[in-house]
Amino acid sequence: MSNIMAQVYENAYAVTVSDTAADPVGPFAGLMVSVAGTLKIHTVGGQDVAFTVVAGQLVQIATQRVWSTGTSATVIGLASPPYKIPFNPGSGVVIP
């Protein structure tokens, strides 16, 4: 049986949206959507990506910048790097 890897983030930060500069607190390991809408990001890998998100969605893309233009959603930046904790789905117990 394989393990599922749960991601646990160290901290969460307010995101500063900008069309010109990377977030001064980032980069972020991911984003948590608090208000649904459209989201345009600049990834750590250098791509610009735009898509629709829903409240409560976890966007697991390393992000340098959230664009002001093209973003109507509200997101929270998640600290980088995430810790990976093995989880055995059959037992409900975290494996050390």
C-alpha atoms as a PDB file:
ATOM      1  CA  MET A   1       0.000   0.000   0.000  1.00  0.00           C
ATOM      2  CA  SER A   2       1.284   3.476  -0.815  1.00  0.00           C
ATOM      3  CA  ASN A   3       1.319   6.498   1.457  1.00  0.00           C
ATOM      4  CA  ILE A   4      -0.484   9.773   0.837  1.00  0.00           C
ATOM      5  CA  MET A   5       1.716  12.839   1.357  1.00  0.00           C
ATOM      6  CA  ALA A   6      -0.073  15.574   3.320  1.00  0.00           C
ATOM      7  CA  GLN A   7       1.268  19.092   3.000  1.00  0.00           C
ATOM      8  CA  VAL A   8       1.528  21.225   6.115  1.00  0.00           C
ATOM      9  CA  TYR A   9       2.554  24.848   5.740  1.00  0.00           C
ATOM     10  CA  GLU A  10       4.511  26.770   8.349  1.00  0.00           C
ATOM     11  CA  ASN A  11       2.835  30.187   8.020  1.00  0.00           C
ATOM     12  CA  ALA A  12       0.274  32.158   6.046  1.00  0.00           C
ATOM     13  CA  TYR A  13       0.745  35.711   4.778  1.00  0.00           C
ATOM     14  CA  ALA A  14      -1.287  38.489   3.222  1.00  0.00           C
ATOM     15  CA  VAL A  15      -0.554  38.670  -0.506  1.00  0.00           C
ATOM     16  CA  THR A  16       0.411  41.972  -2.127  1.00  0.00           C
ATOM     17  CA  VAL A  17      -0.929  41.976  -5.691  1.00  0.00           C
ATOM     18  CA  SER A  18       1.151  43.750  -8.348  1.00  0.00           C
ATOM     19  CA  ASP A  19       1.542  43.924 -12.114  1.00  0.00           C
ATOM     20  CA  THR A  20       5.228  44.826 -11.875  1.00  0.00           C
ATOM     21  CA  ALA A  21       6.980  43.239  -8.891  1.00  0.00           C
ATOM     22  CA  ALA A  22       7.239  39.934  -7.045  1.00  0.00           C
ATOM     23  CA  ASP A  23       5.539  39.791  -3.649  1.00  0.00           C
ATOM     24  CA  PRO A  24       7.969  41.153  -1.020  1.00  0.00           C
ATOM     25  CA  VAL A  25       7.058  38.317   1.409  1.00  0.00           C
ATOM     26  CA  GLY A  26       7.146  35.512  -1.204  1.00  0.00           C
ATOM     27  CA  PRO A  27       7.727  33.378  -3.025  1.00  0.00           C
ATOM     28  CA  PHE A  28       4.906  31.200  -1.750  1.00  0.00           C
ATOM     29  CA  ALA A  29       4.737  27.404  -1.862  1.00  0.00           C
ATOM     30  CA  GLY A  30       1.022  27.701  -2.569  1.00  0.00           C
ATOM     31  CA  LEU A  31      -2.039  29.876  -2.170  1.00  0.00           C
ATOM     32  CA  MET A  32      -5.291  29.401  -0.245  1.00  0.00           C
ATOM     33  CA  VAL A  33      -8.327  31.026  -1.856  1.00  0.00           C
ATOM     34  CA  SER A  34     -10.502  32.916   0.623  1.00  0.00           C
ATOM     35  CA  VAL A  35     -12.792  34.629  -1.938  1.00  0.00           C
ATOM     36  CA  ALA A  36     -13.669  33.000  -5.280  1.00  0.00           C
ATOM     37  CA  GLY A  37     -12.930  34.650  -8.609  1.00  0.00           C
ATOM     38  CA  THR A  38     -10.238  34.762 -11.248  1.00  0.00           C
ATOM     39  CA  LEU A  39      -6.573  34.364 -10.367  1.00  0.00           C
ATOM     40  CA  LYS A  40      -3.538  35.303 -12.445  1.00  0.00           C
ATOM     41  CA  ILE A  41      -0.120  34.331 -11.104  1.00  0.00           C
ATOM     42  CA  HIS A  42       3.535  34.421 -12.111  1.00  0.00           C
ATOM     43  CA  THR A  43       5.065  31.095 -11.114  1.00  0.00           C
ATOM     44  CA  VAL A  44       8.517  30.552  -9.633  1.00  0.00           C
ATOM     45  CA  GLY A  45       9.323  28.834 -12.940  1.00  0.00           C
ATOM     46  CA  GLY A  46       8.557  32.031 -14.863  1.00  0.00           C
ATOM     47  CA  GLN A  47       5.137  31.274 -16.370  1.00  0.00           C
ATOM     48  CA  ASP A  48       2.050  33.458 -16.235  1.00  0.00           C
ATOM     49  CA  VAL A  49      -1.072  31.392 -15.548  1.00  0.00           C
ATOM     50  CA  ALA A  50      -4.697  32.529 -15.218  1.00  0.00           C
ATOM     51  CA  PHE A  51      -7.663  30.438 -14.078  1.00  0.00           C
ATOM     52  CA  THR A  52     -10.890  30.492 -12.073  1.00  0.00           C
ATOM     53  CA  VAL A  53     -10.754  29.490  -8.395  1.00  0.00           C
ATOM     54  CA  VAL A  54     -13.330  28.788  -5.679  1.00  0.00           C
ATOM     55  CA  ALA A  55     -13.305  29.707  -1.991  1.00  0.00           C
ATOM     56  CA  GLY A  56     -11.416  27.128   0.063  1.00  0.00           C
ATOM     57  CA  GLN A  57      -9.344  25.937  -2.898  1.00  0.00           C
ATOM     58  CA  LEU A  58      -5.660  25.208  -2.332  1.00  0.00           C
ATOM     59  CA  VAL A  59      -3.520  26.244  -5.302  1.00  0.00           C
ATOM     60  CA  GLN A  60      -0.384  24.103  -5.084  1.00  0.00           C
ATOM     61  CA  ILE A  61       1.783  26.105  -7.474  1.00  0.00           C
ATOM     62  CA  ALA A  62       4.929  27.892  -6.268  1.00  0.00           C
ATOM     63  CA  THR A  63       4.123  31.568  -6.892  1.00  0.00           C
ATOM     64  CA  GLN A  64       6.294  34.692  -7.092  1.00  0.00           C
ATOM     65  CA  ARG A  65       3.549  37.191  -7.885  1.00  0.00           C
ATOM     66  CA  VAL A  66      -0.210  37.510  -7.953  1.00  0.00           C
ATOM     67  CA  TRP A  67      -1.171  39.905 -10.726  1.00  0.00           C
ATOM     68  CA  SER A  68      -3.434  42.855  -9.965  1.00  0.00           C
ATOM     69  CA  THR A  69      -4.807  42.860 -13.516  1.00  0.00           C
ATOM     70  CA  GLY A  70      -6.697  39.637 -14.139  1.00  0.00           C
ATOM     71  CA  THR A  71      -7.233  38.780 -10.456  1.00  0.00           C
ATOM     72  CA  SER A  72     -10.580  39.214  -8.721  1.00  0.00           C
ATOM     73  CA  ALA A  73     -10.089  36.428  -6.135  1.00  0.00           C
ATOM     74  CA  THR A  74      -8.609  36.980  -2.697  1.00  0.00           C
ATOM     75  CA  VAL A  75      -5.794  34.608  -1.737  1.00  0.00           C
ATOM     76  CA  ILE A  76      -3.521  33.931   1.229  1.00  0.00           C
ATOM     77  CA  GLY A  77       0.149  33.096   0.620  1.00  0.00           C
ATOM     78  CA  LEU A  78       1.381  29.869   2.211  1.00  0.00           C
ATOM     79  CA  ALA A  79       4.929  29.669   3.583  1.00  0.00           C
ATOM     80  CA  SER A  80       7.616  27.877   1.644  1.00  0.00           C
ATOM     81  CA  PRO A  81       8.706  25.126   1.832  1.00  0.00           C
ATOM     82  CA  PRO A  82       5.912  22.826   2.947  1.00  0.00           C
ATOM     83  CA  TYR A  83       6.662  19.905   5.218  1.00  0.00           C
ATOM     84  CA  LYS A  84       5.679  16.515   3.803  1.00  0.00           C
ATOM     85  CA  ILE A  85       4.190  14.188   6.396  1.00  0.00           C
ATOM     86  CA  PRO A  86       3.537  10.560   5.370  1.00  0.00           C
ATOM     87  CA  PHE A  87       0.009   9.435   6.115  1.00  0.00           C
ATOM     88  CA  ASN A  88      -1.237   5.857   6.002  1.00  0.00           C
ATOM     89  CA  PRO A  89      -4.834   6.109   4.707  1.00  0.00           C
ATOM     90  CA  GLY A  90      -5.807   2.707   6.154  1.00  0.00           C
ATOM     91  CA  SER A  91      -4.882   3.520   9.736  1.00  0.00           C
ATOM     92  CA  GLY A  92      -5.640   7.228  10.076  1.00  0.00           C
ATOM     93  CA  VAL A  93      -2.305   7.522  11.864  1.00  0.00           C
ATOM     94  CA  VAL A  94       0.608   9.723  10.882  1.00  0.00           C
ATOM     95  CA  ILE A  95       3.698   7.632  10.231  1.00  0.00           C
ATOM     96  CA  PRO A  96       6.852   9.057  11.890  1.00  0.00           C
END
